[in-house]
Every structure is written in C-alpha cells, then in structure tokens.
Amino acid sequence: MEYVSALVPPVVMAVAFTALIVTMVKSQGGANKAKEDAAVDAVLAAHAEAEGRASGRETA
C-alpha cells in the first residue's frame, strides 16, 4: 500500500497540470481576442514611444 500513497501526489499534480493547460488553451482566442490584442499593441506602442523620447533626450 505504500506504492499507492507514493503515486497519489504525482497523479494528482499531473491531472491538475493537465486541467490548467486545457483551460489556458481553451481561453485563447474567442470573442475577446481582438480586444486583448489591441490592448497589448497599445502598451507596446506606448513603450516604444517612451523609449524614443528617452533616447531623443539623451542625444539632444
């Protein structure tokens, strides 16, 4: 019976990990994908603009 108690935690973790991955894959895309992509693009554009301003100040 020791082998059962030794195998239960890894099996439980494997099932939980599989459920996590399935949830992540299912949540990709869908109705909010365009909204999420637009938010990421806005953040990246703001970061690039801030980088441009910072480098412009250093050279001027």
PDB file of N, CA and C in Angstrom:
ATOM      1  N   MET A   1       0.820  -1.208   0.000  1.00  0.00           N
ATOM      2  CA  MET A   1       0.000   0.000   0.000  1.00  0.00           C
ATOM      3  C   MET A   1       0.858   1.264   0.000  1.00  0.00           C
ATOM      4  N   GLU A   2       2.123   1.136   0.311  1.00  0.00           N
ATOM      5  CA  GLU A   2       2.989   2.319   0.283  1.00  0.00           C
ATOM      6  C   GLU A   2       3.120   2.866  -1.134  1.00  0.00           C
ATOM      7  N   TYR A   3       3.100   1.987  -2.126  1.00  0.00           N
ATOM      8  CA  TYR A   3       3.228   2.449  -3.502  1.00  0.00           C
ATOM      9  C   TYR A   3       2.030   3.301  -3.905  1.00  0.00           C
ATOM     10  N   VAL A   4       0.856   3.015  -3.360  1.00  0.00           N
ATOM     11  CA  VAL A   4      -0.325   3.832  -3.675  1.00  0.00           C
ATOM     12  C   VAL A   4      -0.146   5.236  -3.112  1.00  0.00           C
ATOM     13  N   SER A   5       0.293   5.336  -1.857  1.00  0.00           N
ATOM     14  CA  SER A   5       0.492   6.656  -1.261  1.00  0.00           C
ATOM     15  C   SER A   5       1.646   7.393  -1.923  1.00  0.00           C
ATOM     16  N   ALA A   6       2.590   6.665  -2.512  1.00  0.00           N
ATOM     17  CA  ALA A   6       3.692   7.301  -3.217  1.00  0.00           C
ATOM     18  C   ALA A   6       3.259   7.806  -4.595  1.00  0.00           C
ATOM     19  N   LEU A   7       2.279   7.162  -5.208  1.00  0.00           N
ATOM     20  CA  LEU A   7       1.839   7.538  -6.550  1.00  0.00           C
ATOM     21  C   LEU A   7       0.733   8.584  -6.568  1.00  0.00           C
ATOM     22  N   VAL A   8       0.002   8.728  -5.481  1.00  0.00           N
ATOM     23  CA  VAL A   8      -1.140   9.649  -5.483  1.00  0.00           C
ATOM     24  C   VAL A   8      -0.717  11.106  -5.723  1.00  0.00           C
ATOM     25  N   PRO A   9       0.260  11.663  -5.008  1.00  0.00           N
ATOM     26  CA  PRO A   9       0.609  13.072  -5.259  1.00  0.00           C
ATOM     27  C   PRO A   9       1.045  13.372  -6.701  1.00  0.00           C
ATOM     28  N   PRO A  10       1.903  12.566  -7.331  1.00  0.00           N
ATOM     29  CA  PRO A  10       2.245  12.872  -8.725  1.00  0.00           C
ATOM     30  C   PRO A  10       1.056  12.769  -9.676  1.00  0.00           C
ATOM     31  N   VAL A  11       0.176  11.824  -9.428  1.00  0.00           N
ATOM     32  CA  VAL A  11      -1.001  11.679 -10.285  1.00  0.00           C
ATOM     33  C   VAL A  11      -1.924  12.881 -10.122  1.00  0.00           C
ATOM     34  N   VAL A  12      -2.118  13.317  -8.900  1.00  0.00           N
ATOM     35  CA  VAL A  12      -2.969  14.494  -8.649  1.00  0.00           C
ATOM     36  C   VAL A  12      -2.366  15.726  -9.309  1.00  0.00           C
ATOM     37  N   MET A  13      -1.046  15.890  -9.194  1.00  0.00           N
ATOM     38  CA  MET A  13      -0.398  17.046  -9.819  1.00  0.00           C
ATOM     39  C   MET A  13      -0.485  16.965 -11.340  1.00  0.00           C
ATOM     40  N   ALA A  14      -0.350  15.783 -11.904  1.00  0.00           N
ATOM     41  CA  ALA A  14      -0.450  15.630 -13.354  1.00  0.00           C
ATOM     42  C   ALA A  14      -1.849  15.978 -13.841  1.00  0.00           C
ATOM     43  N   VAL A  15      -2.861  15.554 -13.118  1.00  0.00           N
ATOM     44  CA  VAL A  15      -4.241  15.867 -13.502  1.00  0.00           C
ATOM     45  C   VAL A  15      -4.489  17.375 -13.390  1.00  0.00           C
ATOM     46  N   ALA A  16      -4.002  17.978 -12.312  1.00  0.00           N
ATOM     47  CA  ALA A  16      -4.179  19.426 -12.131  1.00  0.00           C
ATOM     48  C   ALA A  16      -3.444  20.201 -13.224  1.00  0.00           C
ATOM     49  N   PHE A  17      -2.240  19.780 -13.555  1.00  0.00           N
ATOM     50  CA  PHE A  17      -1.472  20.453 -14.600  1.00  0.00           C
ATOM     51  C   PHE A  17      -2.166  20.319 -15.951  1.00  0.00           C
ATOM     52  N   THR A  18      -2.678  19.148 -16.246  1.00  0.00           N
ATOM     53  CA  THR A  18      -3.402  18.942 -17.498  1.00  0.00           C
ATOM     54  C   THR A  18      -4.641  19.821 -17.561  1.00  0.00           C
ATOM     55  N   ALA A  19      -5.365  19.940 -16.455  1.00  0.00           N
ATOM     56  CA  ALA A  19      -6.551  20.801 -16.418  1.00  0.00           C
ATOM     57  C   ALA A  19      -6.153  22.259 -16.623  1.00  0.00           C
ATOM     58  N   LEU A  20      -5.036  22.673 -16.052  1.00  0.00           N
ATOM     59  CA  LEU A  20      -4.561  24.043 -16.231  1.00  0.00           C
ATOM     60  C   LEU A  20      -4.229  24.323 -17.690  1.00  0.00           C
ATOM     61  N   ILE A  21      -3.522  23.416 -18.327  1.00  0.00           N
ATOM     62  CA  ILE A  21      -3.153  23.593 -19.735  1.00  0.00           C
ATOM     63  C   ILE A  21      -4.393  23.609 -20.623  1.00  0.00           C
ATOM     64  N   VAL A  22      -5.338  22.724 -20.368  1.00  0.00           N
ATOM     65  CA  VAL A  22      -6.577  22.699 -21.161  1.00  0.00           C
ATOM     66  C   VAL A  22      -7.331  24.013 -21.009  1.00  0.00           C
ATOM     67  N   THR A  23      -7.393  24.534 -19.788  1.00  0.00           N
ATOM     68  CA  THR A  23      -8.068  25.810 -19.549  1.00  0.00           C
ATOM     69  C   THR A  23      -7.373  26.945 -20.287  1.00  0.00           C
ATOM     70  N   MET A  24      -6.047  26.956 -20.259  1.00  0.00           N
ATOM     71  CA  MET A  24      -5.297  28.006 -20.955  1.00  0.00           C
ATOM     72  C   MET A  24      -5.516  27.939 -22.462  1.00  0.00           C
ATOM     73  N   VAL A  25      -5.513  26.744 -23.017  1.00  0.00           N
ATOM     74  CA  VAL A  25      -5.701  26.596 -24.460  1.00  0.00           C
ATOM     75  C   VAL A  25      -7.113  27.003 -24.864  1.00  0.00           C
ATOM     76  N   LYS A  26      -8.096  26.625 -24.064  1.00  0.00           N
ATOM     77  CA  LYS A  26      -9.477  26.986 -24.387  1.00  0.00           C
ATOM     78  C   LYS A  26      -9.723  28.487 -24.288  1.00  0.00           C
ATOM     79  N   SER A  27      -8.996  29.172 -23.416  1.00  0.00           N
ATOM     80  CA  SER A  27      -9.229  30.606 -23.230  1.00  0.00           C
ATOM     81  C   SER A  27      -8.527  31.449 -24.288  1.00  0.00           C
ATOM     82  N   GLN A  28      -7.710  30.834 -25.129  1.00  0.00           N
ATOM     83  CA  GLN A  28      -7.046  31.575 -26.198  1.00  0.00           C
ATOM     84  C   GLN A  28      -8.043  31.880 -27.299  1.00  0.00           C
ATOM     85  N   GLY A  29      -7.930  33.063 -27.845  1.00  0.00           N
ATOM     86  CA  GLY A  29      -8.825  33.432 -28.951  1.00  0.00           C
ATOM     87  C   GLY A  29     -10.212  33.767 -28.452  1.00  0.00           C
ATOM     88  N   GLY A  30     -11.182  33.538 -29.267  1.00  0.00           N
ATOM     89  CA  GLY A  30     -12.560  33.803 -28.881  1.00  0.00           C
ATOM     90  C   GLY A  30     -12.968  35.240 -29.129  1.00  0.00           C
ATOM     91  N   ALA A  31     -14.030  35.641 -28.467  1.00  0.00           N
ATOM     92  CA  ALA A  31     -14.622  36.954 -28.695  1.00  0.00           C
ATOM     93  C   ALA A  31     -13.721  38.091 -28.225  1.00  0.00           C
ATOM     94  N   ASN A  32     -12.939  37.867 -27.182  1.00  0.00           N
ATOM     95  CA  ASN A  32     -12.116  38.945 -26.630  1.00  0.00           C
ATOM     96  C   ASN A  32     -10.716  39.003 -27.223  1.00  0.00           C
ATOM     97  N   LYS A  33     -10.407  38.153 -28.191  1.00  0.00           N
ATOM     98  CA  LYS A  33      -9.051  38.117 -28.736  1.00  0.00           C
ATOM     99  C   LYS A  33      -8.659  39.456 -29.354  1.00  0.00           C
ATOM    100  N   ALA A  34      -9.521  40.047 -30.136  1.00  0.00           N
ATOM    101  CA  ALA A  34      -9.198  41.320 -30.774  1.00  0.00           C
ATOM    102  C   ALA A  34      -8.995  42.406 -29.724  1.00  0.00           C
ATOM    103  N   LYS A  35      -9.822  42.403 -28.686  1.00  0.00           N
ATOM    104  CA  LYS A  35      -9.695  43.397 -27.627  1.00  0.00           C
ATOM    105  C   LYS A  35      -8.375  43.224 -26.873  1.00  0.00           C
ATOM    106  N   GLU A  36      -8.012  41.976 -26.585  1.00  0.00           N
ATOM    107  CA  GLU A  36      -6.756  41.701 -25.887  1.00  0.00           C
ATOM    108  C   GLU A  36      -5.566  42.083 -26.758  1.00  0.00           C
ATOM    109  N   ASP A  37      -5.634  41.753 -28.044  1.00  0.00           N
ATOM    110  CA  ASP A  37      -4.548  42.100 -28.952  1.00  0.00           C
ATOM    111  C   ASP A  37      -4.394  43.616 -29.060  1.00  0.00           C
ATOM    112  N   ALA A  38      -5.500  44.336 -29.111  1.00  0.00           N
ATOM    113  CA  ALA A  38      -5.443  45.793 -29.194  1.00  0.00           C
ATOM    114  C   ALA A  38      -4.828  46.381 -27.931  1.00  0.00           C
ATOM    115  N   ALA A  39      -5.151  45.817 -26.777  1.00  0.00           N
ATOM    116  CA  ALA A  39      -4.574  46.309 -25.523  1.00  0.00           C
ATOM    117  C   ALA A  39      -3.067  46.079 -25.497  1.00  0.00           C
ATOM    118  N   VAL A  40      -2.626  44.923 -25.937  1.00  0.00           N
ATOM    119  CA  VAL A  40      -1.187  44.629 -25.968  1.00  0.00           C
ATOM    120  C   VAL A  40      -0.491  45.542 -26.969  1.00  0.00           C
ATOM    121  N   ASP A  41      -1.087  45.752 -28.129  1.00  0.00           N
ATOM    122  CA  ASP A  41      -0.495  46.643 -29.125  1.00  0.00           C
ATOM    123  C   ASP A  41      -0.374  48.064 -28.587  1.00  0.00           C
ATOM    124  N   ALA A  42      -1.381  48.524 -27.836  1.00  0.00           N
ATOM    125  CA  ALA A  42      -1.338  49.866 -27.269  1.00  0.00           C
ATOM    126  C   ALA A  42      -0.218  50.001 -26.243  1.00  0.00           C
ATOM    127  N   VAL A  43      -0.056  48.991 -25.418  1.00  0.00           N
ATOM    128  CA  VAL A  43       1.017  49.024 -24.418  1.00  0.00           C
ATOM    129  C   VAL A  43       2.377  49.016 -25.104  1.00  0.00           C
ATOM    130  N   LEU A  44       2.539  48.165 -26.119  1.00  0.00           N
ATOM    131  CA  LEU A  44       3.817  48.115 -26.827  1.00  0.00           C
ATOM    132  C   LEU A  44       4.111  49.436 -27.544  1.00  0.00           C
ATOM    133  N   ALA A  45       3.104  50.052 -28.129  1.00  0.00           N
ATOM    134  CA  ALA A  45       3.297  51.335 -28.803  1.00  0.00           C
ATOM    135  C   ALA A  45       3.678  52.415 -27.803  1.00  0.00           C
ATOM    136  N   ALA A  46       3.029  52.420 -26.646  1.00  0.00           N
ATOM    137  CA  ALA A  46       3.361  53.404 -25.620  1.00  0.00           C
ATOM    138  C   ALA A  46       4.782  53.205 -25.114  1.00  0.00           C
ATOM    139  N   HIS A  47       5.169  51.959 -24.965  1.00  0.00           N
ATOM    140  CA  HIS A  47       6.537  51.666 -24.506  1.00  0.00           C
ATOM    141  C   HIS A  47       7.555  52.107 -25.554  1.00  0.00           C
ATOM    142  N   ALA A  48       7.275  51.843 -26.823  1.00  0.00           N
ATOM    143  CA  ALA A  48       8.191  52.244 -27.890  1.00  0.00           C
ATOM    144  C   ALA A  48       8.289  53.764 -27.975  1.00  0.00           C
ATOM    145  N   GLU A  49       7.171  54.440 -27.775  1.00  0.00           N
ATOM    146  CA  GLU A  49       7.173  55.899 -27.803  1.00  0.00           C
ATOM    147  C   GLU A  49       7.986  56.464 -26.638  1.00  0.00           C
ATOM    148  N   ALA A  50       7.820  55.870 -25.470  1.00  0.00           N
ATOM    149  CA  ALA A  50       8.590  56.307 -24.307  1.00  0.00           C
ATOM    150  C   ALA A  50      10.081  56.053 -24.516  1.00  0.00           C
ATOM    151  N   GLU A  51      10.433  54.942 -25.133  1.00  0.00           N
ATOM    152  CA  GLU A  51      11.830  54.638 -25.426  1.00  0.00           C
ATOM    153  C   GLU A  51      12.380  55.666 -26.400  1.00  0.00           C
ATOM    154  N   GLY A  52      11.583  56.029 -27.399  1.00  0.00           N
ATOM    155  CA  GLY A  52      12.008  57.020 -28.380  1.00  0.00           C
ATOM    156  C   GLY A  52      12.245  58.375 -27.741  1.00  0.00           C
ATOM    157  N   ARG A  53      11.371  58.766 -26.837  1.00  0.00           N
ATOM    158  CA  ARG A  53      11.554  60.042 -26.133  1.00  0.00           C
ATOM    159  C   ARG A  53      12.798  60.013 -25.267  1.00  0.00           C
ATOM    160  N   ALA A  54      13.020  58.910 -24.589  1.00  0.00           N
ATOM    161  CA  ALA A  54      14.179  58.795 -23.702  1.00  0.00           C
ATOM    162  C   ALA A  54      15.470  58.853 -24.503  1.00  0.00           C
ATOM    163  N   SER A  55      15.522  58.174 -25.630  1.00  0.00           N
ATOM    164  CA  SER A  55      16.738  58.190 -26.439  1.00  0.00           C
ATOM    165  C   SER A  55      16.907  59.544 -27.124  1.00  0.00           C
ATOM    166  N   GLY A  56      15.820  60.222 -27.411  1.00  0.00           N
ATOM    167  CA  GLY A  56      15.896  61.553 -28.015  1.00  0.00           C
ATOM    168  C   GLY A  56      16.453  62.579 -27.055  1.00  0.00           C
ATOM    169  N   ARG A  57      16.140  62.471 -25.794  1.00  0.00           N
ATOM    170  CA  ARG A  57      16.662  63.385 -24.796  1.00  0.00           C
ATOM    171  C   ARG A  57      18.148  63.187 -24.560  1.00  0.00           C
ATOM    172  N   GLU A  58      18.593  61.944 -24.622  1.00  0.00           N
ATOM    173  CA  GLU A  58      19.996  61.670 -24.360  1.00  0.00           C
ATOM    174  C   GLU A  58      20.891  62.220 -25.465  1.00  0.00           C
ATOM    175  N   THR A  59      20.427  62.195 -26.702  1.00  0.00           N
ATOM    176  CA  THR A  59      21.266  62.652 -27.809  1.00  0.00           C
ATOM    177  C   THR A  59      21.161  64.151 -28.008  1.00  0.00           C
ATOM    178  N   ALA A  60      20.109  64.797 -27.534  1.00  0.00           N
ATOM    179  CA  ALA A  60      19.929  66.231 -27.761  1.00  0.00           C
ATOM    180  C   ALA A  60      20.689  67.071 -26.767  1.00  0.00           C
TER     181      ALA A  60
END
